[in-house]
């Protein structure tokens, strides 16, 4: 499966191995997800890679 996913997008394998990326910030002593327009470019790329991995696992591997 690793080779299949990396052949589609090499960066999509990272979230599968390391887990989902949810950028967070501290607000009033608690933690909340950062909104898309507040994210740094690196965080946006990680979230996009995570979504690509989910898409590959859901649709490409489930096709007949």
PDB file of N, CA and C in Angstrom:
ATOM      1  N   UNK A   1       0.816  -1.181   0.000  1.00  0.00           N
ATOM      2  CA  UNK A   1       0.000   0.000   0.000  1.00  0.00           C
ATOM      3  C   UNK A   1       0.868   1.257   0.000  1.00  0.00           C
ATOM      4  N   UNK A   2       1.994   1.226   0.716  1.00  0.00           N
ATOM      5  CA  UNK A   2       2.874   2.390   0.776  1.00  0.00           C
ATOM      6  C   UNK A   2       3.320   2.809  -0.618  1.00  0.00           C
ATOM      7  N   UNK A   3       3.749   1.864  -1.433  1.00  0.00           N
ATOM      8  CA  UNK A   3       4.220   2.192  -2.776  1.00  0.00           C
ATOM      9  C   UNK A   3       3.096   2.742  -3.639  1.00  0.00           C
ATOM     10  N   UNK A   4       1.908   2.199  -3.494  1.00  0.00           N
ATOM     11  CA  UNK A   4       0.765   2.664  -4.265  1.00  0.00           C
ATOM     12  C   UNK A   4       0.463   4.122  -3.935  1.00  0.00           C
ATOM     13  N   UNK A   5       0.392   4.446  -2.664  1.00  0.00           N
ATOM     14  CA  UNK A   5       0.066   5.811  -2.251  1.00  0.00           C
ATOM     15  C   UNK A   5       1.186   6.769  -2.623  1.00  0.00           C
ATOM     16  N   UNK A   6       2.433   6.365  -2.435  1.00  0.00           N
ATOM     17  CA  UNK A   6       3.551   7.229  -2.797  1.00  0.00           C
ATOM     18  C   UNK A   6       3.644   7.435  -4.302  1.00  0.00           C
ATOM     19  N   UNK A   7       3.152   6.488  -5.082  1.00  0.00           N
ATOM     20  CA  UNK A   7       3.177   6.673  -6.535  1.00  0.00           C
ATOM     21  C   UNK A   7       2.177   7.743  -6.966  1.00  0.00           C
ATOM     22  N   UNK A   8       1.122   7.935  -6.184  1.00  0.00           N
ATOM     23  CA  UNK A   8       0.145   8.977  -6.477  1.00  0.00           C
ATOM     24  C   UNK A   8       0.632  10.325  -5.957  1.00  0.00           C
ATOM     25  N   UNK A   9       1.098  10.340  -4.711  1.00  0.00           N
ATOM     26  CA  UNK A   9       1.629  11.567  -4.106  1.00  0.00           C
ATOM     27  C   UNK A   9       2.530  11.171  -2.934  1.00  0.00           C
ATOM     28  N   UNK A  10       3.835  11.362  -3.069  1.00  0.00           N
ATOM     29  CA  UNK A  10       4.768  10.944  -2.011  1.00  0.00           C
ATOM     30  C   UNK A  10       4.471  11.587  -0.649  1.00  0.00           C
ATOM     31  N   UNK A  11       3.976  12.819  -0.643  1.00  0.00           N
ATOM     32  CA  UNK A  11       3.702  13.496   0.624  1.00  0.00           C
ATOM     33  C   UNK A  11       2.454  12.967   1.319  1.00  0.00           C
ATOM     34  N   UNK A  12       1.629  12.237   0.610  1.00  0.00           N
ATOM     35  CA  UNK A  12       0.398  11.715   1.206  1.00  0.00           C
ATOM     36  C   UNK A  12       0.666  10.551   2.159  1.00  0.00           C
ATOM     37  N   UNK A  13       1.829   9.947   2.099  1.00  0.00           N
ATOM     38  CA  UNK A  13       2.128   8.820   2.978  1.00  0.00           C
ATOM     39  C   UNK A  13       2.398   9.288   4.412  1.00  0.00           C
ATOM     40  N   UNK A  14       2.954  10.474   4.579  1.00  0.00           N
ATOM     41  CA  UNK A  14       3.300  10.988   5.909  1.00  0.00           C
ATOM     42  C   UNK A  14       2.121  11.006   6.880  1.00  0.00           C
ATOM     43  N   UNK A  15       0.963  11.543   6.509  1.00  0.00           N
ATOM     44  CA  UNK A  15      -0.153  11.544   7.459  1.00  0.00           C
ATOM     45  C   UNK A  15      -0.632  10.144   7.845  1.00  0.00           C
ATOM     46  N   UNK A  16      -0.449   9.187   6.959  1.00  0.00           N
ATOM     47  CA  UNK A  16      -0.865   7.821   7.267  1.00  0.00           C
ATOM     48  C   UNK A  16       0.034   7.248   8.358  1.00  0.00           C
ATOM     49  N   UNK A  17       1.314   7.537   8.274  1.00  0.00           N
ATOM     50  CA  UNK A  17       2.276   7.015   9.246  1.00  0.00           C
ATOM     51  C   UNK A  17       2.253   7.828  10.549  1.00  0.00           C
ATOM     52  N   UNK A  18       2.200   9.152  10.435  1.00  0.00           N
ATOM     53  CA  UNK A  18       2.331  10.020  11.605  1.00  0.00           C
ATOM     54  C   UNK A  18       0.996  10.450  12.204  1.00  0.00           C
ATOM     55  N   UNK A  19      -0.085  10.297  11.463  1.00  0.00           N
ATOM     56  CA  UNK A  19      -1.388  10.697  11.974  1.00  0.00           C
ATOM     57  C   UNK A  19      -1.875  12.002  11.381  1.00  0.00           C
ATOM     58  N   UNK A  20      -3.116  12.285  11.652  1.00  0.00           N
ATOM     59  CA  UNK A  20      -3.780  13.469  11.121  1.00  0.00           C
ATOM     60  C   UNK A  20      -3.168  14.744  11.680  1.00  0.00           C
ATOM     61  N   UNK A  21      -3.065  15.754  10.817  1.00  0.00           N
ATOM     62  CA  UNK A  21      -2.545  17.064  11.221  1.00  0.00           C
ATOM     63  C   UNK A  21      -3.719  18.006  11.470  1.00  0.00           C
ATOM     64  N   UNK A  22      -3.843  18.469  12.690  1.00  0.00           N
ATOM     65  CA  UNK A  22      -4.847  19.468  13.029  1.00  0.00           C
ATOM     66  C   UNK A  22      -4.120  20.611  13.743  1.00  0.00           C
ATOM     67  N   UNK A  23      -3.755  21.659  12.998  1.00  0.00           N
ATOM     68  CA  UNK A  23      -3.082  22.796  13.640  1.00  0.00           C
ATOM     69  C   UNK A  23      -3.993  23.426  14.696  1.00  0.00           C
ATOM     70  N   UNK A  24      -3.433  23.695  15.855  1.00  0.00           N
ATOM     71  CA  UNK A  24      -4.226  24.242  16.956  1.00  0.00           C
ATOM     72  C   UNK A  24      -3.556  25.483  17.523  1.00  0.00           C
ATOM     73  N   UNK A  25      -4.346  26.264  18.256  1.00  0.00           N
ATOM     74  CA  UNK A  25      -3.822  27.430  18.967  1.00  0.00           C
ATOM     75  C   UNK A  25      -4.450  27.451  20.359  1.00  0.00           C
ATOM     76  N   UNK A  26      -3.775  28.137  21.270  1.00  0.00           N
ATOM     77  CA  UNK A  26      -4.286  28.235  22.638  1.00  0.00           C
ATOM     78  C   UNK A  26      -5.175  29.466  22.762  1.00  0.00           C
ATOM     79  N   UNK A  27      -6.373  29.256  23.298  1.00  0.00           N
ATOM     80  CA  UNK A  27      -7.319  30.343  23.517  1.00  0.00           C
ATOM     81  C   UNK A  27      -7.925  30.170  24.905  1.00  0.00           C
ATOM     82  N   UNK A  28      -7.744  31.142  25.759  1.00  0.00           N
ATOM     83  CA  UNK A  28      -8.309  31.121  27.114  1.00  0.00           C
ATOM     84  C   UNK A  28      -7.963  29.839  27.870  1.00  0.00           C
ATOM     85  N   UNK A  29      -6.719  29.397  27.763  1.00  0.00           N
ATOM     86  CA  UNK A  29      -6.274  28.214  28.485  1.00  0.00           C
ATOM     87  C   UNK A  29      -6.671  26.897  27.844  1.00  0.00           C
ATOM     88  N   UNK A  30      -7.384  26.930  26.729  1.00  0.00           N
ATOM     89  CA  UNK A  30      -7.773  25.710  26.013  1.00  0.00           C
ATOM     90  C   UNK A  30      -7.203  25.731  24.602  1.00  0.00           C
ATOM     91  N   UNK A  31      -7.374  24.664  23.892  1.00  0.00           N
ATOM     92  CA  UNK A  31      -6.851  24.568  22.531  1.00  0.00           C
ATOM     93  C   UNK A  31      -7.991  24.412  21.541  1.00  0.00           C
ATOM     94  N   UNK A  32      -7.903  25.165  20.440  1.00  0.00           N
ATOM     95  CA  UNK A  32      -8.915  25.118  19.383  1.00  0.00           C
ATOM     96  C   UNK A  32      -8.209  25.010  18.031  1.00  0.00           C
ATOM     97  N   UNK A  33      -8.863  24.399  17.046  1.00  0.00           N
ATOM     98  CA  UNK A  33      -8.263  24.321  15.713  1.00  0.00           C
ATOM     99  C   UNK A  33      -8.091  25.717  15.107  1.00  0.00           C
ATOM    100  N   UNK A  34      -7.018  25.874  14.354  1.00  0.00           N
ATOM    101  CA  UNK A  34      -6.759  27.140  13.660  1.00  0.00           C
ATOM    102  C   UNK A  34      -7.597  27.167  12.388  1.00  0.00           C
ATOM    103  N   UNK A  35      -8.229  28.289  12.114  1.00  0.00           N
ATOM    104  CA  UNK A  35      -9.004  28.458  10.890  1.00  0.00           C
ATOM    105  C   UNK A  35      -8.062  28.482   9.680  1.00  0.00           C
ATOM    106  N   UNK A  36      -8.578  28.063   8.525  1.00  0.00           N
ATOM    107  CA  UNK A  36      -7.771  27.962   7.304  1.00  0.00           C
ATOM    108  C   UNK A  36      -7.065  29.272   6.980  1.00  0.00           C
ATOM    109  N   UNK A  37      -7.768  30.402   7.072  1.00  0.00           N
ATOM    110  CA  UNK A  37      -7.170  31.687   6.691  1.00  0.00           C
ATOM    111  C   UNK A  37      -6.132  32.186   7.698  1.00  0.00           C
ATOM    112  N   UNK A  38      -6.041  31.560   8.876  1.00  0.00           N
ATOM    113  CA  UNK A  38      -5.034  31.920   9.876  1.00  0.00           C
ATOM    114  C   UNK A  38      -3.804  31.014   9.822  1.00  0.00           C
ATOM    115  N   UNK A  39      -3.884  29.916   9.075  1.00  0.00           N
ATOM    116  CA  UNK A  39      -2.790  28.935   9.034  1.00  0.00           C
ATOM    117  C   UNK A  39      -1.599  29.445   8.245  1.00  0.00           C
ATOM    118  N   UNK A  40      -0.423  29.007   8.682  1.00  0.00           N
ATOM    119  CA  UNK A  40       0.794  29.257   7.917  1.00  0.00           C
ATOM    120  C   UNK A  40       0.809  28.299   6.730  1.00  0.00           C
ATOM    121  N   UNK A  41       1.602  28.624   5.715  1.00  0.00           N
ATOM    122  CA  UNK A  41       1.656  27.802   4.502  1.00  0.00           C
ATOM    123  C   UNK A  41       2.036  26.358   4.794  1.00  0.00           C
ATOM    124  N   UNK A  42       2.962  26.152   5.737  1.00  0.00           N
ATOM    125  CA  UNK A  42       3.392  24.793   6.073  1.00  0.00           C
ATOM    126  C   UNK A  42       2.240  23.979   6.674  1.00  0.00           C
ATOM    127  N   UNK A  43       1.458  24.611   7.536  1.00  0.00           N
ATOM    128  CA  UNK A  43       0.309  23.922   8.126  1.00  0.00           C
ATOM    129  C   UNK A  43      -0.743  23.605   7.068  1.00  0.00           C
ATOM    130  N   UNK A  44      -0.963  24.522   6.134  1.00  0.00           N
ATOM    131  CA  UNK A  44      -1.922  24.282   5.057  1.00  0.00           C
ATOM    132  C   UNK A  44      -1.491  23.087   4.214  1.00  0.00           C
ATOM    133  N   UNK A  45      -0.189  22.994   3.919  1.00  0.00           N
ATOM    134  CA  UNK A  45       0.325  21.872   3.128  1.00  0.00           C
ATOM    135  C   UNK A  45       0.113  20.552   3.858  1.00  0.00           C
ATOM    136  N   UNK A  46       0.341  20.537   5.163  1.00  0.00           N
ATOM    137  CA  UNK A  46       0.143  19.314   5.951  1.00  0.00           C
ATOM    138  C   UNK A  46      -1.323  18.883   5.959  1.00  0.00           C
ATOM    139  N   UNK A  47      -2.220  19.853   6.079  1.00  0.00           N
ATOM    140  CA  UNK A  47      -3.649  19.540   6.071  1.00  0.00           C
ATOM    141  C   UNK A  47      -4.047  19.020   4.693  1.00  0.00           C
ATOM    142  N   UNK A  48      -3.523  19.617   3.631  1.00  0.00           N
ATOM    143  CA  UNK A  48      -3.831  19.156   2.275  1.00  0.00           C
ATOM    144  C   UNK A  48      -3.308  17.740   2.059  1.00  0.00           C
ATOM    145  N   UNK A  49      -2.106  17.458   2.535  1.00  0.00           N
ATOM    146  CA  UNK A  49      -1.556  16.106   2.415  1.00  0.00           C
ATOM    147  C   UNK A  49      -2.433  15.101   3.157  1.00  0.00           C
ATOM    148  N   UNK A  50      -2.929  15.494   4.309  1.00  0.00           N
ATOM    149  CA  UNK A  50      -3.813  14.633   5.087  1.00  0.00           C
ATOM    150  C   UNK A  50      -5.091  14.333   4.307  1.00  0.00           C
ATOM    151  N   UNK A  51      -5.659  15.343   3.702  1.00  0.00           N
ATOM    152  CA  UNK A  51      -6.881  15.148   2.923  1.00  0.00           C
ATOM    153  C   UNK A  51      -6.630  14.280   1.681  1.00  0.00           C
ATOM    154  N   UNK A  52      -5.462  14.448   1.051  1.00  0.00           N
ATOM    155  CA  UNK A  52      -5.109  13.595  -0.098  1.00  0.00           C
ATOM    156  C   UNK A  52      -5.037  12.138   0.335  1.00  0.00           C
ATOM    157  N   UNK A  53      -4.396  11.893   1.475  1.00  0.00           N
ATOM    158  CA  UNK A  53      -4.264  10.522   1.964  1.00  0.00           C
ATOM    159  C   UNK A  53      -5.635   9.908   2.244  1.00  0.00           C
ATOM    160  N   UNK A  54      -6.511  10.661   2.874  1.00  0.00           N
ATOM    161  CA  UNK A  54      -7.861  10.163   3.153  1.00  0.00           C
ATOM    162  C   UNK A  54      -8.604   9.868   1.854  1.00  0.00           C
ATOM    163  N   UNK A  55      -8.439  10.747   0.872  1.00  0.00           N
ATOM    164  CA  UNK A  55      -9.087  10.562  -0.422  1.00  0.00           C
ATOM    165  C   UNK A  55      -8.581   9.295  -1.107  1.00  0.00           C
ATOM    166  N   UNK A  56      -7.278   9.090  -1.105  1.00  0.00           N
ATOM    167  CA  UNK A  56      -6.694   7.896  -1.726  1.00  0.00           C
ATOM    168  C   UNK A  56      -7.210   6.640  -1.034  1.00  0.00           C
ATOM    169  N   UNK A  57      -7.190   6.624   0.286  1.00  0.00           N
ATOM    170  CA  UNK A  57      -7.624   5.453   1.041  1.00  0.00           C
ATOM    171  C   UNK A  57      -9.114   5.180   0.820  1.00  0.00           C
ATOM    172  N   UNK A  58      -9.892   6.217   0.733  1.00  0.00           N
ATOM    173  CA  UNK A  58     -11.333   6.046   0.593  1.00  0.00           C
ATOM    174  C   UNK A  58     -11.748   5.639  -0.808  1.00  0.00           C
ATOM    175  N   UNK A  59     -11.232   6.306  -1.810  1.00  0.00           N
ATOM    176  CA  UNK A  59     -11.739   6.117  -3.153  1.00  0.00           C
ATOM    177  C   UNK A  59     -10.880   5.202  -4.024  1.00  0.00           C
ATOM    178  N   UNK A  60      -9.576   5.390  -4.037  1.00  0.00           N
ATOM    179  CA  UNK A  60      -8.726   4.585  -4.906  1.00  0.00           C
ATOM    180  C   UNK A  60      -8.626   3.142  -4.465  1.00  0.00           C
ATOM    181  N   UNK A  61      -8.542   2.908  -3.179  1.00  0.00           N
ATOM    182  CA  UNK A  61      -8.403   1.550  -2.695  1.00  0.00           C
ATOM    183  C   UNK A  61      -9.734   0.813  -2.595  1.00  0.00           C
ATOM    184  N   UNK A  62     -10.835   1.559  -2.621  1.00  0.00           N
ATOM    185  CA  UNK A  62     -12.139   0.903  -2.511  1.00  0.00           C
ATOM    186  C   UNK A  62     -12.770   0.601  -3.879  1.00  0.00           C
ATOM    187  N   UNK A  63     -12.117   1.049  -4.959  1.00  0.00           N
ATOM    188  CA  UNK A  63     -12.697   0.791  -6.281  1.00  0.00           C
ATOM    189  C   UNK A  63     -12.547  -0.678  -6.663  1.00  0.00           C
ATOM    190  N   UNK A  64     -13.467  -1.157  -7.477  1.00  0.00           N
ATOM    191  CA  UNK A  64     -13.462  -2.577  -7.852  1.00  0.00           C
ATOM    192  C   UNK A  64     -12.386  -2.888  -8.828  1.00  0.00           C
TER     193      UNK A  64
END
